[in-house]
Amino acid sequence: MKFGFRVPSLKKRIAARTSWKRVVRHNLGIKAPRGWGWLTNPKKAAYNRLYARTSVDPVKLVTRAAKRRSRLSDGAWLPVVLAVILATGILAAVSGK
C-alpha cells in the first residue's frame, strides 16, 4: 500500500477513459451507480478506499491552493505550490521510479 504523494500519470488517466472494457460495459447498459464498486468487485473496492485515504493527490493540492488564492494576498500561495512540487520530486526520487 502506498502512503504519501501519488505520482500523476497522464498515460494512466487517458487509459482509464478509453478502455475497451469500459466501452463494452457502457454500451450493454451493465453499469452500476457510483459508489457501488463493492458490489461488482469487493476486493478492489476495499483496496481503492484504503488507497484514497492514505495517499495524497498533488494535482488536487495545487487546485485547492489556486482556489484559496483569492483569500490570500497575491503571491502568498506560490511557496505552497513550490513545496508540493518539490516534495513530489523528492518522493519520486526516493522511491526509485
N, C-alpha and C. Protein backbone atom coordinates (compact mmCIF):
# COMPACT_ATOMS: atom_id res chain seq x y z
N MET A 1 0.84 -1.18 0.00
CA MET A 1 0.00 0.00 0.00
C MET A 1 0.89 1.24 0.00
N LYS A 2 0.50 2.23 -0.77
CA LYS A 2 1.27 3.46 -0.89
C LYS A 2 0.80 4.48 0.13
N PHE A 3 1.76 5.16 0.75
CA PHE A 3 1.46 6.25 1.66
C PHE A 3 2.12 7.50 1.12
N GLY A 4 1.44 8.64 1.28
CA GLY A 4 2.02 9.91 0.84
C GLY A 4 1.52 10.36 -0.51
N PHE A 5 2.39 11.04 -1.26
CA PHE A 5 2.00 11.64 -2.53
C PHE A 5 1.86 10.60 -3.63
N ARG A 6 0.84 10.75 -4.47
CA ARG A 6 0.68 9.93 -5.67
C ARG A 6 1.49 10.58 -6.78
N VAL A 7 2.01 9.77 -7.67
CA VAL A 7 2.73 10.30 -8.83
C VAL A 7 1.73 10.41 -9.98
N PRO A 8 1.43 11.63 -10.46
CA PRO A 8 0.44 11.78 -11.52
C PRO A 8 0.93 11.17 -12.83
N SER A 9 0.02 10.51 -13.55
CA SER A 9 0.37 9.88 -14.82
C SER A 9 -0.70 10.20 -15.85
N LEU A 10 -0.33 10.98 -16.86
CA LEU A 10 -1.27 11.34 -17.92
C LEU A 10 -1.66 10.10 -18.72
N LYS A 11 -0.70 9.19 -18.92
CA LYS A 11 -0.95 7.96 -19.68
C LYS A 11 -2.04 7.12 -19.01
N LYS A 12 -1.97 6.96 -17.70
CA LYS A 12 -2.97 6.16 -16.98
C LYS A 12 -4.33 6.87 -16.95
N ARG A 13 -4.32 8.18 -16.92
CA ARG A 13 -5.58 8.94 -16.94
C ARG A 13 -6.33 8.71 -18.25
N ILE A 14 -5.58 8.77 -19.35
CA ILE A 14 -6.19 8.57 -20.67
C ILE A 14 -6.63 7.12 -20.83
N ALA A 15 -5.79 6.18 -20.37
CA ALA A 15 -6.11 4.77 -20.50
C ALA A 15 -7.40 4.41 -19.75
N ALA A 16 -7.63 5.02 -18.61
CA ALA A 16 -8.83 4.72 -17.83
C ALA A 16 -10.09 5.18 -18.56
N ARG A 17 -9.98 6.24 -19.33
CA ARG A 17 -11.15 6.77 -20.04
C ARG A 17 -11.39 6.10 -21.38
N THR A 18 -10.38 5.44 -21.92
CA THR A 18 -10.51 4.88 -23.26
C THR A 18 -10.39 3.36 -23.29
N SER A 19 -10.65 2.69 -22.18
CA SER A 19 -10.50 1.24 -22.16
C SER A 19 -11.67 0.57 -22.89
N TRP A 20 -11.39 -0.53 -23.57
CA TRP A 20 -12.43 -1.24 -24.31
C TRP A 20 -13.43 -1.88 -23.37
N LYS A 21 -12.97 -2.27 -22.17
CA LYS A 21 -13.89 -2.86 -21.19
C LYS A 21 -14.94 -1.84 -20.77
N ARG A 22 -14.52 -0.59 -20.59
CA ARG A 22 -15.46 0.47 -20.22
C ARG A 22 -16.47 0.70 -21.33
N VAL A 23 -16.02 0.72 -22.57
CA VAL A 23 -16.91 0.95 -23.71
C VAL A 23 -17.95 -0.16 -23.80
N VAL A 24 -17.51 -1.42 -23.69
CA VAL A 24 -18.43 -2.56 -23.77
C VAL A 24 -19.46 -2.50 -22.64
N ARG A 25 -19.00 -2.25 -21.44
CA ARG A 25 -19.90 -2.22 -20.28
C ARG A 25 -20.95 -1.12 -20.43
N HIS A 26 -20.55 0.03 -20.89
CA HIS A 26 -21.49 1.14 -21.04
C HIS A 26 -22.47 0.91 -22.18
N ASN A 27 -21.99 0.30 -23.27
CA ASN A 27 -22.88 0.03 -24.41
C ASN A 27 -23.92 -1.03 -24.10
N LEU A 28 -23.57 -2.00 -23.27
CA LEU A 28 -24.52 -3.05 -22.90
C LEU A 28 -25.48 -2.60 -21.80
N GLY A 29 -25.18 -1.48 -21.20
CA GLY A 29 -26.04 -0.98 -20.13
C GLY A 29 -25.77 -1.65 -18.79
N ILE A 30 -24.67 -2.39 -18.70
CA ILE A 30 -24.30 -3.05 -17.45
C ILE A 30 -23.41 -2.08 -16.68
N LYS A 31 -24.02 -1.20 -15.96
CA LYS A 31 -23.26 -0.17 -15.27
C LYS A 31 -23.88 0.07 -13.90
N ALA A 32 -23.11 -0.14 -12.87
CA ALA A 32 -23.60 0.11 -11.52
C ALA A 32 -23.43 1.61 -11.21
N PRO A 33 -24.28 2.16 -10.36
CA PRO A 33 -24.14 3.57 -9.98
C PRO A 33 -22.82 3.82 -9.24
N ARG A 34 -22.42 5.07 -9.22
CA ARG A 34 -21.20 5.44 -8.49
C ARG A 34 -21.33 5.04 -7.04
N GLY A 35 -20.25 4.50 -6.49
CA GLY A 35 -20.27 4.09 -5.10
C GLY A 35 -20.69 2.65 -4.89
N TRP A 36 -21.01 1.95 -5.98
CA TRP A 36 -21.43 0.56 -5.88
C TRP A 36 -20.33 -0.40 -6.29
N GLY A 37 -19.08 0.04 -6.24
CA GLY A 37 -17.97 -0.82 -6.62
C GLY A 37 -17.84 -2.03 -5.73
N TRP A 38 -18.27 -1.91 -4.48
CA TRP A 38 -18.20 -3.05 -3.56
C TRP A 38 -19.08 -4.20 -4.04
N LEU A 39 -20.09 -3.89 -4.87
CA LEU A 39 -20.97 -4.93 -5.37
C LEU A 39 -20.33 -5.70 -6.53
N THR A 40 -19.64 -4.99 -7.41
CA THR A 40 -19.05 -5.65 -8.58
C THR A 40 -17.70 -6.29 -8.27
N ASN A 41 -16.89 -5.66 -7.43
CA ASN A 41 -15.57 -6.20 -7.09
C ASN A 41 -15.19 -5.73 -5.68
N PRO A 42 -15.60 -6.47 -4.64
CA PRO A 42 -15.38 -6.01 -3.26
C PRO A 42 -13.90 -5.85 -2.88
N LYS A 43 -13.05 -6.74 -3.38
CA LYS A 43 -11.63 -6.66 -3.03
C LYS A 43 -11.01 -5.38 -3.58
N LYS A 44 -11.30 -5.08 -4.83
CA LYS A 44 -10.78 -3.86 -5.46
C LYS A 44 -11.35 -2.62 -4.79
N ALA A 45 -12.62 -2.65 -4.42
CA ALA A 45 -13.26 -1.51 -3.77
C ALA A 45 -12.62 -1.22 -2.42
N ALA A 46 -12.31 -2.28 -1.65
CA ALA A 46 -11.66 -2.09 -0.35
C ALA A 46 -10.27 -1.51 -0.52
N TYR A 47 -9.53 -2.02 -1.49
CA TYR A 47 -8.18 -1.51 -1.76
C TYR A 47 -8.24 -0.04 -2.16
N ASN A 48 -9.13 0.31 -3.07
CA ASN A 48 -9.24 1.68 -3.55
C ASN A 48 -9.63 2.64 -2.44
N ARG A 49 -10.51 2.19 -1.56
CA ARG A 49 -10.93 3.06 -0.45
C ARG A 49 -9.77 3.34 0.50
N LEU A 50 -9.00 2.30 0.80
CA LEU A 50 -7.84 2.47 1.68
C LEU A 50 -6.78 3.33 1.01
N TYR A 51 -6.54 3.12 -0.29
CA TYR A 51 -5.56 3.89 -1.05
C TYR A 51 -5.92 5.37 -1.07
N ALA A 52 -7.19 5.66 -1.28
CA ALA A 52 -7.63 7.04 -1.36
C ALA A 52 -7.47 7.75 -0.02
N ARG A 53 -7.57 7.00 1.08
CA ARG A 53 -7.46 7.62 2.40
C ARG A 53 -6.02 7.76 2.88
N THR A 54 -5.10 6.97 2.30
CA THR A 54 -3.72 7.01 2.79
C THR A 54 -2.76 7.74 1.87
N SER A 55 -3.20 8.15 0.69
CA SER A 55 -2.32 8.86 -0.23
C SER A 55 -2.91 10.22 -0.58
N VAL A 56 -2.06 11.08 -1.12
CA VAL A 56 -2.46 12.45 -1.43
C VAL A 56 -2.22 12.72 -2.91
N ASP A 57 -3.18 13.32 -3.58
CA ASP A 57 -3.05 13.66 -4.99
C ASP A 57 -2.44 15.06 -5.10
N PRO A 58 -1.22 15.19 -5.65
CA PRO A 58 -0.59 16.52 -5.74
C PRO A 58 -1.36 17.47 -6.66
N VAL A 59 -2.06 16.95 -7.65
CA VAL A 59 -2.84 17.82 -8.55
C VAL A 59 -3.96 18.50 -7.77
N LYS A 60 -4.62 17.76 -6.88
CA LYS A 60 -5.68 18.35 -6.07
C LYS A 60 -5.13 19.40 -5.12
N LEU A 61 -3.92 19.17 -4.60
CA LEU A 61 -3.33 20.16 -3.70
C LEU A 61 -3.10 21.48 -4.44
N VAL A 62 -2.64 21.40 -5.68
CA VAL A 62 -2.38 22.60 -6.47
C VAL A 62 -3.69 23.32 -6.79
N THR A 63 -4.73 22.56 -7.16
CA THR A 63 -6.01 23.20 -7.48
C THR A 63 -6.66 23.81 -6.25
N ARG A 64 -6.51 23.15 -5.11
CA ARG A 64 -7.05 23.73 -3.87
C ARG A 64 -6.30 25.01 -3.52
N ALA A 65 -4.98 25.01 -3.74
CA ALA A 65 -4.20 26.21 -3.46
C ALA A 65 -4.63 27.35 -4.38
N ALA A 66 -4.95 27.02 -5.62
CA ALA A 66 -5.40 28.04 -6.56
C ALA A 66 -6.76 28.61 -6.15
N LYS A 67 -7.63 27.75 -5.61
CA LYS A 67 -8.94 28.23 -5.17
C LYS A 67 -8.81 29.14 -3.95
N ARG A 68 -7.87 28.79 -3.09
CA ARG A 68 -7.66 29.60 -1.89
C ARG A 68 -6.91 30.89 -2.20
N ARG A 69 -6.39 30.98 -3.40
CA ARG A 69 -5.61 32.15 -3.80
C ARG A 69 -6.38 33.44 -3.60
N SER A 70 -7.68 33.39 -3.83
CA SER A 70 -8.48 34.60 -3.71
C SER A 70 -8.51 35.11 -2.26
N ARG A 71 -8.39 34.19 -1.31
CA ARG A 71 -8.40 34.60 0.10
C ARG A 71 -7.04 35.12 0.54
N LEU A 72 -5.99 34.61 -0.10
CA LEU A 72 -4.64 35.03 0.28
C LEU A 72 -4.23 36.25 -0.54
N SER A 73 -3.23 36.96 -0.04
CA SER A 73 -2.72 38.10 -0.80
C SER A 73 -1.98 37.57 -2.03
N ASP A 74 -1.80 38.41 -3.03
CA ASP A 74 -1.16 37.98 -4.28
C ASP A 74 0.24 37.43 -4.02
N GLY A 75 0.51 36.23 -4.54
CA GLY A 75 1.82 35.61 -4.43
C GLY A 75 2.03 34.81 -3.16
N ALA A 76 1.10 34.84 -2.21
CA ALA A 76 1.29 34.12 -0.96
C ALA A 76 1.12 32.61 -1.14
N TRP A 77 0.44 32.17 -2.18
CA TRP A 77 0.22 30.74 -2.42
C TRP A 77 1.37 30.10 -3.16
N LEU A 78 2.25 30.90 -3.75
CA LEU A 78 3.36 30.37 -4.52
C LEU A 78 4.29 29.46 -3.72
N PRO A 79 4.66 29.80 -2.49
CA PRO A 79 5.51 28.88 -1.72
C PRO A 79 4.84 27.54 -1.46
N VAL A 80 3.53 27.52 -1.30
CA VAL A 80 2.81 26.27 -1.07
C VAL A 80 2.91 25.38 -2.30
N VAL A 81 2.68 25.94 -3.47
CA VAL A 81 2.74 25.17 -4.72
C VAL A 81 4.16 24.67 -4.96
N LEU A 82 5.15 25.51 -4.73
CA LEU A 82 6.54 25.09 -4.91
C LEU A 82 6.92 23.98 -3.95
N ALA A 83 6.45 24.05 -2.73
CA ALA A 83 6.73 22.99 -1.75
C ALA A 83 6.11 21.67 -2.17
N VAL A 84 4.91 21.71 -2.72
CA VAL A 84 4.24 20.49 -3.18
C VAL A 84 5.02 19.89 -4.35
N ILE A 85 5.43 20.70 -5.30
CA ILE A 85 6.18 20.21 -6.45
C ILE A 85 7.52 19.63 -6.01
N LEU A 86 8.20 20.30 -5.10
CA LEU A 86 9.48 19.83 -4.60
C LEU A 86 9.32 18.51 -3.85
N ALA A 87 8.30 18.42 -3.00
CA ALA A 87 8.07 17.20 -2.23
C ALA A 87 7.74 16.03 -3.15
N THR A 88 6.97 16.28 -4.19
CA THR A 88 6.64 15.22 -5.15
C THR A 88 7.89 14.72 -5.85
N GLY A 89 8.76 15.62 -6.25
CA GLY A 89 10.02 15.23 -6.90
C GLY A 89 10.92 14.45 -5.98
N ILE A 90 11.02 14.86 -4.73
CA ILE A 90 11.86 14.16 -3.75
C ILE A 90 11.32 12.77 -3.49
N LEU A 91 10.01 12.64 -3.31
CA LEU A 91 9.42 11.33 -3.05
C LEU A 91 9.57 10.41 -4.25
N ALA A 92 9.47 10.95 -5.45
CA ALA A 92 9.64 10.12 -6.64
C ALA A 92 11.09 9.65 -6.76
N ALA A 93 12.03 10.51 -6.41
CA ALA A 93 13.44 10.14 -6.48
C ALA A 93 13.80 9.10 -5.42
N VAL A 94 13.22 9.23 -4.23
CA VAL A 94 13.50 8.30 -3.15
C VAL A 94 12.91 6.92 -3.46
N SER A 95 11.71 6.90 -4.06
CA SER A 95 11.09 5.62 -4.35
C SER A 95 11.77 4.91 -5.52
N GLY A 96 12.61 5.61 -6.28
CA GLY A 96 13.37 5.00 -7.35
C GLY A 96 12.63 4.82 -8.64
N LYS A 97 11.57 5.55 -8.85
CA LYS A 97 10.80 5.43 -10.09
C LYS A 97 11.20 6.48 -11.07
